[in-house]
C-alpha atoms as a PDB file:
ATOM      1  CA  MET A   1     -12.069  10.098  -4.961  1.00  0.00           C
ATOM      2  CA  ILE A   2     -11.095   8.909  -8.448  1.00  0.00           C
ATOM      3  CA  VAL A   3     -13.378  11.537  -9.970  1.00  0.00           C
ATOM      4  CA  ASP A   4     -11.865  14.129  -7.603  1.00  0.00           C
ATOM      5  CA  LEU A   5      -8.404  13.100  -8.814  1.00  0.00           C
ATOM      6  CA  ALA A   6      -9.464  13.436 -12.461  1.00  0.00           C
ATOM      7  CA  GLU A   7     -10.803  16.918 -11.762  1.00  0.00           C
ATOM      8  CA  PHE A   8      -7.562  17.886 -10.008  1.00  0.00           C
ATOM      9  CA  GLU A   9      -5.583  16.630 -13.012  1.00  0.00           C
ATOM     10  CA  LYS A  10      -7.799  18.740 -15.296  1.00  0.00           C
ATOM     11  CA  GLU A  11      -9.429  15.716 -16.965  1.00  0.00           C
ATOM     12  CA  PRO A  12     -12.889  15.624 -15.348  1.00  0.00           C
ATOM     13  CA  ASP A  13     -14.507  13.687 -18.208  1.00  0.00           C
ATOM     14  CA  ALA A  14     -11.765  11.061 -18.532  1.00  0.00           C
ATOM     15  CA  VAL A  15     -13.025   8.613 -15.874  1.00  0.00           C
ATOM     16  CA  LYS A  16     -14.748   5.599 -17.428  1.00  0.00           C
ATOM     17  CA  LEU A  17     -14.278   3.325 -14.409  1.00  0.00           C
ATOM     18  CA  THR A  18     -17.430   2.348 -12.535  1.00  0.00           C
ATOM     19  CA  GLU A  19     -17.725   1.271  -8.914  1.00  0.00           C
ATOM     20  CA  SER A  20     -18.376  -2.332  -9.971  1.00  0.00           C
ATOM     21  CA  GLY A  21     -15.466  -2.192 -12.416  1.00  0.00           C
ATOM     22  CA  LEU A  22     -13.154  -1.030  -9.646  1.00  0.00           C
ATOM     23  CA  ARG A  23     -14.441  -3.760  -7.335  1.00  0.00           C
ATOM     24  CA  ASP A  24     -13.777  -6.395 -10.024  1.00  0.00           C
ATOM     25  CA  ALA A  25     -10.321  -4.995 -10.757  1.00  0.00           C
ATOM     26  CA  LEU A  26      -9.362  -5.070  -7.088  1.00  0.00           C
ATOM     27  CA  PHE A  27     -11.133  -8.207  -5.873  1.00  0.00           C
ATOM     28  CA  GLY A  28     -12.145 -10.208  -8.958  1.00  0.00           C
ATOM     29  CA  PRO A  29     -10.669 -13.569  -9.943  1.00  0.00           C
ATOM     30  CA  ARG A  30      -8.191 -11.956 -12.355  1.00  0.00           C
ATOM     31  CA  SER A  31      -7.220  -8.999 -10.181  1.00  0.00           C
ATOM     32  CA  THR A  32      -4.003  -7.292 -11.220  1.00  0.00           C
ATOM     33  CA  ILE A  33      -4.150  -4.111  -9.151  1.00  0.00           C
ATOM     34  CA  PHE A  34      -3.781  -3.387  -5.482  1.00  0.00           C
ATOM     35  CA  ALA A  35      -4.780  -0.498  -3.235  1.00  0.00           C
ATOM     36  CA  HIS A  36      -3.726   0.934   0.079  1.00  0.00           C
ATOM     37  CA  VAL A  37      -6.050   3.392   1.769  1.00  0.00           C
ATOM     38  CA  ALA A  38      -5.748   6.108   4.371  1.00  0.00           C
ATOM     39  CA  GLU A  39      -8.759   6.084   6.619  1.00  0.00           C
ATOM     40  CA  ALA A  40      -9.848   7.864   9.759  1.00  0.00           C
ATOM     41  CA  ALA A  41     -12.502   7.027  12.331  1.00  0.00           C
ATOM     42  CA  GLU A  42     -15.601   9.174  12.192  1.00  0.00           C
ATOM     43  CA  ALA A  43     -16.919  10.795  15.364  1.00  0.00           C
ATOM     44  CA  GLY A  44     -18.030   8.064  17.731  1.00  0.00           C
ATOM     45  CA  GLY A  45     -15.587   5.582  16.217  1.00  0.00           C
ATOM     46  CA  THR A  46     -18.211   3.310  14.657  1.00  0.00           C
ATOM     47  CA  SER A  47     -17.490   4.151  11.023  1.00  0.00           C
ATOM     48  CA  PHE A  48     -14.565   5.208   8.889  1.00  0.00           C
ATOM     49  CA  ARG A  49     -14.006   7.682   6.096  1.00  0.00           C
ATOM     50  CA  LEU A  50     -11.442   7.300   3.338  1.00  0.00           C
ATOM     51  CA  ASP A  51      -8.976  10.178   3.262  1.00  0.00           C
ATOM     52  CA  GLY A  52      -6.762   8.901   0.452  1.00  0.00           C
ATOM     53  CA  PHE A  53      -5.604   5.961  -1.614  1.00  0.00           C
ATOM     54  CA  ALA A  54      -2.637   4.552  -3.473  1.00  0.00           C
ATOM     55  CA  LEU A  55      -3.512   2.334  -6.455  1.00  0.00           C
ATOM     56  CA  TRP A  56      -0.655   0.208  -7.782  1.00  0.00           C
ATOM     57  CA  TYR A  57       0.359  -2.807  -9.835  1.00  0.00           C
ATOM     58  CA  LEU A  58       3.427  -4.990 -10.306  1.00  0.00           C
ATOM     59  CA  THR A  59       6.187  -4.274 -12.765  1.00  0.00           C
ATOM     60  CA  PHE A  60       9.224  -6.350 -13.627  1.00  0.00           C
ATOM     61  CA  SER A  61      12.781  -5.151 -14.165  1.00  0.00           C
ATOM     62  CA  THR A  62      14.772  -7.223 -16.623  1.00  0.00           C
ATOM     63  CA  TRP A  63      17.943  -5.604 -15.249  1.00  0.00           C
ATOM     64  CA  GLU A  64      17.208  -6.219 -11.584  1.00  0.00           C
ATOM     65  CA  GLY A  65      15.458  -9.536 -12.220  1.00  0.00           C
ATOM     66  CA  VAL A  66      12.704  -8.809  -9.710  1.00  0.00           C
ATOM     67  CA  ASN A  67       9.292  -7.217  -9.515  1.00  0.00           C
ATOM     68  CA  GLY A  68       8.678  -3.646  -8.546  1.00  0.00           C
ATOM     69  CA  ILE A  69       5.707  -1.425  -7.856  1.00  0.00           C
ATOM     70  CA  HIS A  70       4.218   1.073 -10.258  1.00  0.00           C
ATOM     71  CA  LEU A  71       2.123   3.583  -8.370  1.00  0.00           C
ATOM     72  CA  GLU A  72      -0.686   4.435 -10.771  1.00  0.00           C
ATOM     73  CA  ASP A  73      -2.455   6.958  -8.565  1.00  0.00           C
ATOM     74  CA  LEU A  74      -1.860   8.581  -5.217  1.00  0.00           C
ATOM     75  CA  TYR A  75      -4.652  10.799  -3.976  1.00  0.00           C
ATOM     76  CA  VAL A  76      -5.310  12.464  -0.646  1.00  0.00           C
ATOM     77  CA  ARG A  77      -8.412  14.561  -0.120  1.00  0.00           C
ATOM     78  CA  PRO A  78      -7.548  18.282  -0.099  1.00  0.00           C
ATOM     79  CA  ALA A  79      -8.649  18.706   3.540  1.00  0.00           C
ATOM     80  CA  CYS A  80      -6.223  15.950   4.571  1.00  0.00           C
ATOM     81  CA  ARG A  81      -3.151  17.099   2.665  1.00  0.00           C
ATOM     82  CA  GLY A  82      -0.204  18.060   4.806  1.00  0.00           C
ATOM     83  CA  THR A  83      -1.233  15.617   7.534  1.00  0.00           C
ATOM     84  CA  GLY A  84       1.196  12.836   6.626  1.00  0.00           C
ATOM     85  CA  ARG A  85      -1.344  10.589   4.915  1.00  0.00           C
ATOM     86  CA  GLY A  86       0.328  10.771   1.484  1.00  0.00           C
ATOM     87  CA  GLY A  87       3.725  10.007   2.983  1.00  0.00           C
ATOM     88  CA  ALA A  88       2.255   7.126   4.966  1.00  0.00           C
ATOM     89  CA  LEU A  89       0.692   5.665   1.825  1.00  0.00           C
ATOM     90  CA  LEU A  90       3.991   5.871  -0.065  1.00  0.00           C
ATOM     91  CA  GLN A  91       5.875   4.474   2.901  1.00  0.00           C
ATOM     92  CA  SER A  92       3.505   1.499   3.004  1.00  0.00           C
ATOM     93  CA  LEU A  93       4.323   0.757  -0.652  1.00  0.00           C
ATOM     94  CA  ALA A  94       8.037   1.098   0.049  1.00  0.00           C
ATOM     95  CA  ALA A  95       7.643  -1.322   2.965  1.00  0.00           C
ATOM     96  CA  VAL A  96       5.927  -3.868   0.688  1.00  0.00           C
ATOM     97  CA  ALA A  97       8.759  -3.548  -1.841  1.00  0.00           C
ATOM     98  CA  VAL A  98      11.461  -3.937   0.806  1.00  0.00           C
ATOM     99  CA  ALA A  99       9.736  -6.878   2.506  1.00  0.00           C
ATOM    100  CA  ARG A 100       9.373  -8.725  -0.794  1.00  0.00           C
ATOM    101  CA  GLY A 101      12.878  -8.012  -2.077  1.00  0.00           C
ATOM    102  CA  TRP A 102      11.697  -5.693  -4.827  1.00  0.00           C
ATOM    103  CA  ARG A 103      13.992  -2.814  -5.719  1.00  0.00           C
ATOM    104  CA  ARG A 104      11.738  -0.127  -7.194  1.00  0.00           C
ATOM    105  CA  VAL A 105       8.680   1.950  -6.557  1.00  0.00           C
ATOM    106  CA  GLU A 106       8.025   4.180  -9.554  1.00  0.00           C
ATOM    107  CA  TRP A 107       5.331   6.627 -10.587  1.00  0.00           C
ATOM    108  CA  GLN A 108       4.651   9.564 -12.836  1.00  0.00           C
ATOM    109  CA  VAL A 109       3.815  13.112 -11.848  1.00  0.00           C
ATOM    110  CA  LEU A 110       2.402  15.918 -13.940  1.00  0.00           C
ATOM    111  CA  ASN A 111       5.090  18.495 -14.703  1.00  0.00           C
ATOM    112  CA  TRP A 112       2.897  21.334 -13.429  1.00  0.00           C
ATOM    113  CA  ASN A 113       2.270  19.690 -10.026  1.00  0.00           C
ATOM    114  CA  SER A 114       5.146  21.421  -8.243  1.00  0.00           C
ATOM    115  CA  ALA A 115       3.791  20.662  -4.752  1.00  0.00           C
ATOM    116  CA  ALA A 116       3.837  16.923  -5.487  1.00  0.00           C
ATOM    117  CA  ILE A 117       7.290  17.110  -7.088  1.00  0.00           C
ATOM    118  CA  GLU A 118       8.669  18.914  -4.039  1.00  0.00           C
ATOM    119  CA  PHE A 119       7.024  16.348  -1.744  1.00  0.00           C
ATOM    120  CA  TYR A 120       8.458  13.400  -3.710  1.00  0.00           C
ATOM    121  CA  ARG A 121      11.941  14.922  -3.699  1.00  0.00           C
ATOM    122  CA  SER A 122      11.687  15.382   0.089  1.00  0.00           C
ATOM    123  CA  LEU A 123      11.264  11.603   0.368  1.00  0.00           C
ATOM    124  CA  GLY A 124      14.451  10.971  -1.613  1.00  0.00           C
ATOM    125  CA  ALA A 125      12.706  10.185  -4.916  1.00  0.00           C
ATOM    126  CA  HIS A 126      14.250  11.485  -8.111  1.00  0.00           C
ATOM    127  CA  PRO A 127      12.933  12.084 -11.624  1.00  0.00           C
ATOM    128  CA  MET A 128      13.971   9.793 -14.444  1.00  0.00           C
ATOM    129  CA  SER A 129      14.971  12.713 -16.649  1.00  0.00           C
ATOM    130  CA  GLU A 130      16.341  10.608 -19.495  1.00  0.00           C
ATOM    131  CA  TRP A 131      13.054   8.738 -19.961  1.00  0.00           C
ATOM    132  CA  SER A 132       9.853   9.864 -21.634  1.00  0.00           C
ATOM    133  CA  THR A 133       6.457   8.262 -21.247  1.00  0.00           C
ATOM    134  CA  PHE A 134       4.838   7.061 -24.462  1.00  0.00           C
ATOM    135  CA  ARG A 135       1.249   5.957 -24.863  1.00  0.00           C
ATOM    136  CA  LEU A 136      -0.512   4.080 -27.659  1.00  0.00           C
ATOM    137  CA  ASP A 137      -4.285   4.458 -27.293  1.00  0.00           C
ATOM    138  CA  GLY A 138      -7.517   5.325 -29.065  1.00  0.00           C
ATOM    139  CA  GLY A 139      -7.566   5.056 -32.844  1.00  0.00           C
ATOM    140  CA  ALA A 140      -3.821   4.505 -33.080  1.00  0.00           C
ATOM    141  CA  LEU A 141      -4.064   1.503 -30.738  1.00  0.00           C
ATOM    142  CA  GLU A 142      -7.039   0.090 -32.651  1.00  0.00           C
ATOM    143  CA  ALA A 143      -5.286   0.533 -35.993  1.00  0.00           C
ATOM    144  CA  PHE A 144      -1.997  -0.943 -34.840  1.00  0.00           C
ATOM    145  CA  GLY A 145      -3.522  -3.765 -32.752  1.00  0.00           C
ATOM    146  CA  GLY A 146      -6.111  -4.510 -35.429  1.00  0.00           C
ATOM    147  CA  ALA A 147      -3.364  -4.839 -38.032  1.00  0.00           C
ATOM    148  CA  ALA A 148      -1.626  -7.439 -35.854  1.00  0.00           C
ATOM    149  CA  SER A 149      -4.894  -9.330 -35.307  1.00  0.00           C
ATOM    150  CA  SER A 150      -5.528  -9.415 -39.064  1.00  0.00           C
ATOM    151  CA  ALA A 151      -2.044 -10.722 -39.726  1.00  0.00           C
ATOM    152  CA  ASP A 152      -2.485 -13.460 -37.102  1.00  0.00           C
ATOM    153  CA  SER A 153      -5.700 -14.841 -38.693  1.00  0.00           C
END
């Protein structure tokens, strides 16, 4: 499903994650990510199929003084969209936040994904229009991080 998500987001070659890497990230001794899944019983009820997932990690708000949830990816298989699975996944994250006294569930959405934006607004979510996402990666990250490592030696 992660590859399907990358294809949907028009970045089919961007996935570097392997199955074992995902397993380690979720269940390894230094796990820092969490996942909720939407599953359905196959015919006969002896096996299940995954219909969607929500992959998330903890954030911290210095203003609120508590953790929050950053939803990294929400994906529901195309055949299962419109069935409530995406809403159920988001509601399960909201329930975790409420139960633990956290005050935020945040995520990003591609500007061209109008169906998702409409769906999120229907839940009561709102865009953070005064904020822009920045990313330091690739050669710029290596150059900047390498400069700090050199200075530390």
